[in-house]
Amino acid sequence: IALSYFGIAFVNFYINEKQKALDFFKKADSLFPENFEWMEKARIVTIIGLIFMEFGELEAAESNFQKAITYYEKVDYLLGKVGTLTLLADTY
């Protein structure tokens, strides 16, 4: 179910319905079990962070980017971590 919400969220993000996308991404994130699919959780919270950046909510963006970095570290995905660190730097 979480991946279904992710798909709906991504479509809304793509068509520039950012608030709807944010709501669906948050729902998708909440539906993943705590210790499951770290890569997908990292992608979701990264996009949530991007939306918060667009909304000018930099503290919320920073928080989500920090979560994403933690998740990328769990799966040892350096490229995701580096990309998210770059986004994190943009919040300062």
N, C-alpha and C. Protein backbone atom coordinates (compact mmCIF):
# COMPACT_ATOMS: atom_id res chain seq x y z
N ILE A 1 0.83 -1.19 0.00
CA ILE A 1 0.00 0.00 0.00
C ILE A 1 0.87 1.25 0.00
N ALA A 2 1.98 1.22 0.73
CA ALA A 2 2.86 2.38 0.82
C ALA A 2 3.37 2.78 -0.57
N LEU A 3 3.72 1.80 -1.38
CA LEU A 3 4.23 2.11 -2.72
C LEU A 3 3.13 2.69 -3.62
N SER A 4 1.89 2.30 -3.38
CA SER A 4 0.77 2.88 -4.13
C SER A 4 0.64 4.37 -3.82
N TYR A 5 0.71 4.70 -2.53
CA TYR A 5 0.67 6.11 -2.15
C TYR A 5 1.87 6.86 -2.72
N PHE A 6 3.02 6.20 -2.74
CA PHE A 6 4.21 6.82 -3.33
C PHE A 6 3.95 7.15 -4.80
N GLY A 7 3.36 6.22 -5.53
CA GLY A 7 3.06 6.45 -6.94
C GLY A 7 2.11 7.61 -7.15
N ILE A 8 1.05 7.66 -6.35
CA ILE A 8 0.08 8.76 -6.45
C ILE A 8 0.77 10.08 -6.11
N ALA A 9 1.60 10.06 -5.09
CA ALA A 9 2.32 11.27 -4.68
C ALA A 9 3.24 11.75 -5.80
N PHE A 10 3.94 10.82 -6.43
CA PHE A 10 4.88 11.20 -7.48
C PHE A 10 4.15 11.84 -8.66
N VAL A 11 2.99 11.31 -9.02
CA VAL A 11 2.20 11.91 -10.11
C VAL A 11 1.82 13.34 -9.74
N ASN A 12 1.35 13.53 -8.52
CA ASN A 12 0.98 14.88 -8.09
C ASN A 12 2.18 15.81 -8.08
N PHE A 13 3.33 15.30 -7.66
CA PHE A 13 4.56 16.09 -7.68
C PHE A 13 4.91 16.48 -9.11
N TYR A 14 4.80 15.54 -10.01
CA TYR A 14 5.14 15.77 -11.41
C TYR A 14 4.24 16.81 -12.07
N ILE A 15 2.95 16.82 -11.71
CA ILE A 15 2.01 17.79 -12.31
C ILE A 15 1.94 19.08 -11.48
N ASN A 16 2.88 19.24 -10.58
CA ASN A 16 3.03 20.47 -9.80
C ASN A 16 1.92 20.69 -8.77
N GLU A 17 1.32 19.63 -8.30
CA GLU A 17 0.35 19.69 -7.19
C GLU A 17 1.11 19.34 -5.91
N LYS A 18 1.96 20.27 -5.48
CA LYS A 18 2.92 19.98 -4.42
C LYS A 18 2.25 19.67 -3.07
N GLN A 19 1.19 20.38 -2.71
CA GLN A 19 0.56 20.11 -1.42
C GLN A 19 -0.06 18.71 -1.41
N LYS A 20 -0.73 18.35 -2.50
CA LYS A 20 -1.29 17.00 -2.58
C LYS A 20 -0.17 15.95 -2.56
N ALA A 21 0.89 16.24 -3.28
CA ALA A 21 2.03 15.32 -3.30
C ALA A 21 2.59 15.14 -1.89
N LEU A 22 2.76 16.24 -1.18
CA LEU A 22 3.28 16.18 0.18
C LEU A 22 2.40 15.30 1.06
N ASP A 23 1.10 15.49 0.96
CA ASP A 23 0.17 14.69 1.77
C ASP A 23 0.30 13.20 1.46
N PHE A 24 0.38 12.86 0.18
CA PHE A 24 0.51 11.45 -0.20
C PHE A 24 1.88 10.87 0.17
N PHE A 25 2.94 11.67 0.03
CA PHE A 25 4.27 11.19 0.43
C PHE A 25 4.31 10.92 1.93
N LYS A 26 3.72 11.82 2.71
CA LYS A 26 3.67 11.61 4.16
C LYS A 26 2.91 10.34 4.50
N LYS A 27 1.80 10.10 3.81
CA LYS A 27 1.02 8.89 4.05
C LYS A 27 1.84 7.65 3.68
N ALA A 28 2.51 7.70 2.55
CA ALA A 28 3.35 6.57 2.13
C ALA A 28 4.42 6.29 3.18
N ASP A 29 5.06 7.35 3.66
CA ASP A 29 6.12 7.19 4.66
C ASP A 29 5.57 6.55 5.93
N SER A 30 4.38 6.94 6.33
CA SER A 30 3.80 6.40 7.56
C SER A 30 3.39 4.94 7.43
N LEU A 31 3.18 4.48 6.22
CA LEU A 31 2.72 3.10 6.01
C LEU A 31 3.85 2.07 5.93
N PHE A 32 5.07 2.53 5.72
CA PHE A 32 6.18 1.58 5.70
C PHE A 32 6.45 1.07 7.10
N PRO A 33 6.66 -0.22 7.26
CA PRO A 33 7.06 -0.73 8.58
C PRO A 33 8.38 -0.08 9.01
N GLU A 34 8.60 -0.01 10.29
CA GLU A 34 9.75 0.71 10.84
C GLU A 34 11.10 0.27 10.25
N ASN A 35 11.32 -1.01 10.11
CA ASN A 35 12.63 -1.51 9.64
C ASN A 35 12.54 -2.16 8.26
N PHE A 36 11.89 -1.48 7.33
CA PHE A 36 11.66 -2.07 6.02
C PHE A 36 11.90 -1.04 4.93
N GLU A 37 12.54 -1.46 3.87
CA GLU A 37 12.70 -0.64 2.66
C GLU A 37 13.35 0.72 2.95
N TRP A 38 14.55 0.68 3.48
CA TRP A 38 15.24 1.92 3.79
C TRP A 38 15.44 2.79 2.56
N MET A 39 15.72 2.19 1.43
CA MET A 39 15.94 2.96 0.21
C MET A 39 14.68 3.73 -0.19
N GLU A 40 13.53 3.06 -0.15
CA GLU A 40 12.28 3.74 -0.50
C GLU A 40 11.96 4.83 0.51
N LYS A 41 12.17 4.55 1.80
CA LYS A 41 11.92 5.57 2.81
C LYS A 41 12.84 6.77 2.59
N ALA A 42 14.08 6.51 2.22
CA ALA A 42 15.02 7.60 1.95
C ALA A 42 14.54 8.46 0.79
N ARG A 43 14.09 7.82 -0.26
CA ARG A 43 13.59 8.57 -1.42
C ARG A 43 12.38 9.42 -1.04
N ILE A 44 11.48 8.84 -0.27
CA ILE A 44 10.27 9.57 0.12
C ILE A 44 10.62 10.80 0.95
N VAL A 45 11.43 10.62 1.98
CA VAL A 45 11.72 11.78 2.84
C VAL A 45 12.59 12.81 2.13
N THR A 46 13.37 12.39 1.16
CA THR A 46 14.12 13.36 0.36
C THR A 46 13.16 14.24 -0.44
N ILE A 47 12.18 13.63 -1.07
CA ILE A 47 11.21 14.40 -1.84
C ILE A 47 10.37 15.28 -0.92
N ILE A 48 10.00 14.76 0.24
CA ILE A 48 9.27 15.59 1.21
C ILE A 48 10.13 16.81 1.56
N GLY A 49 11.41 16.60 1.77
CA GLY A 49 12.31 17.71 2.05
C GLY A 49 12.35 18.73 0.92
N LEU A 50 12.37 18.25 -0.32
CA LEU A 50 12.36 19.15 -1.47
C LEU A 50 11.09 20.00 -1.51
N ILE A 51 9.96 19.38 -1.22
CA ILE A 51 8.70 20.12 -1.21
C ILE A 51 8.72 21.18 -0.11
N PHE A 52 9.20 20.79 1.08
CA PHE A 52 9.29 21.77 2.16
C PHE A 52 10.21 22.93 1.77
N MET A 53 11.29 22.63 1.05
CA MET A 53 12.18 23.71 0.58
C MET A 53 11.41 24.66 -0.33
N GLU A 54 10.63 24.10 -1.24
CA GLU A 54 9.84 24.95 -2.14
C GLU A 54 8.85 25.80 -1.38
N PHE A 55 8.33 25.28 -0.27
CA PHE A 55 7.38 26.02 0.55
C PHE A 55 8.08 27.00 1.49
N GLY A 56 9.41 26.98 1.50
CA GLY A 56 10.16 27.88 2.36
C GLY A 56 10.26 27.41 3.80
N GLU A 57 9.91 26.17 4.05
CA GLU A 57 9.96 25.60 5.40
C GLU A 57 11.28 24.84 5.56
N LEU A 58 12.34 25.60 5.79
CA LEU A 58 13.69 25.04 5.75
C LEU A 58 13.98 24.09 6.91
N GLU A 59 13.42 24.36 8.09
CA GLU A 59 13.65 23.44 9.21
C GLU A 59 13.03 22.07 8.93
N ALA A 60 11.84 22.06 8.36
CA ALA A 60 11.20 20.79 8.02
C ALA A 60 11.98 20.08 6.91
N ALA A 61 12.48 20.85 5.95
CA ALA A 61 13.30 20.28 4.88
C ALA A 61 14.55 19.65 5.47
N GLU A 62 15.22 20.38 6.35
CA GLU A 62 16.44 19.88 6.98
C GLU A 62 16.18 18.58 7.73
N SER A 63 15.11 18.54 8.48
CA SER A 63 14.77 17.34 9.25
C SER A 63 14.59 16.13 8.35
N ASN A 64 13.89 16.33 7.23
CA ASN A 64 13.67 15.21 6.30
C ASN A 64 14.95 14.80 5.60
N PHE A 65 15.79 15.76 5.25
CA PHE A 65 17.07 15.41 4.63
C PHE A 65 17.95 14.62 5.60
N GLN A 66 17.92 15.00 6.88
CA GLN A 66 18.69 14.26 7.89
C GLN A 66 18.21 12.81 7.98
N LYS A 67 16.89 12.62 7.95
CA LYS A 67 16.33 11.25 7.97
C LYS A 67 16.81 10.48 6.75
N ALA A 68 16.75 11.12 5.60
CA ALA A 68 17.16 10.45 4.36
C ALA A 68 18.61 10.01 4.43
N ILE A 69 19.47 10.87 4.95
CA ILE A 69 20.88 10.53 5.07
C ILE A 69 21.05 9.30 5.95
N THR A 70 20.33 9.26 7.05
CA THR A 70 20.38 8.10 7.95
C THR A 70 19.93 6.83 7.23
N TYR A 71 18.86 6.92 6.47
CA TYR A 71 18.36 5.76 5.73
C TYR A 71 19.35 5.31 4.66
N TYR A 72 19.93 6.27 3.93
CA TYR A 72 20.92 5.91 2.90
C TYR A 72 22.14 5.24 3.53
N GLU A 73 22.52 5.67 4.72
CA GLU A 73 23.64 5.03 5.41
C GLU A 73 23.31 3.58 5.77
N LYS A 74 22.05 3.30 6.11
CA LYS A 74 21.64 1.94 6.47
C LYS A 74 21.79 0.96 5.30
N VAL A 75 21.63 1.48 4.07
CA VAL A 75 21.77 0.61 2.90
C VAL A 75 23.10 0.83 2.18
N ASP A 76 23.96 1.65 2.80
CA ASP A 76 25.30 1.91 2.26
C ASP A 76 25.22 2.45 0.82
N TYR A 77 24.32 3.41 0.61
CA TYR A 77 24.13 4.00 -0.72
C TYR A 77 24.75 5.40 -0.71
N LEU A 78 26.03 5.45 -1.06
CA LEU A 78 26.81 6.67 -0.99
C LEU A 78 26.27 7.77 -1.91
N LEU A 79 25.85 7.42 -3.12
CA LEU A 79 25.36 8.42 -4.06
C LEU A 79 24.13 9.14 -3.50
N GLY A 80 23.21 8.38 -2.90
CA GLY A 80 22.04 9.00 -2.28
C GLY A 80 22.42 9.91 -1.14
N LYS A 81 23.37 9.47 -0.34
CA LYS A 81 23.83 10.26 0.80
C LYS A 81 24.46 11.57 0.32
N VAL A 82 25.34 11.50 -0.66
CA VAL A 82 26.02 12.69 -1.17
C VAL A 82 25.01 13.67 -1.77
N GLY A 83 24.09 13.15 -2.56
CA GLY A 83 23.07 14.02 -3.16
C GLY A 83 22.23 14.71 -2.11
N THR A 84 21.88 13.99 -1.06
CA THR A 84 21.06 14.56 0.00
C THR A 84 21.86 15.55 0.85
N LEU A 85 23.14 15.27 1.05
CA LEU A 85 23.99 16.24 1.76
C LEU A 85 24.05 17.56 1.00
N THR A 86 24.08 17.50 -0.32
CA THR A 86 24.07 18.71 -1.14
C THR A 86 22.77 19.49 -0.92
N LEU A 87 21.64 18.77 -0.89
CA LEU A 87 20.35 19.42 -0.63
C LEU A 87 20.32 20.00 0.78
N LEU A 88 20.87 19.27 1.72
CA LEU A 88 20.91 19.74 3.10
C LEU A 88 21.68 21.05 3.19
N ALA A 89 22.79 21.15 2.48
CA ALA A 89 23.59 22.37 2.49
C ALA A 89 22.78 23.56 1.98
N ASP A 90 21.86 23.33 1.08
CA ASP A 90 21.04 24.41 0.53
C ASP A 90 20.03 24.95 1.53
N THR A 91 19.83 24.26 2.64
CA THR A 91 18.89 24.75 3.66
C THR A 91 19.55 25.77 4.58
N TYR A 92 20.88 25.93 4.46
CA TYR A 92 21.59 26.88 5.34
C TYR A 92 21.87 28.17 4.63
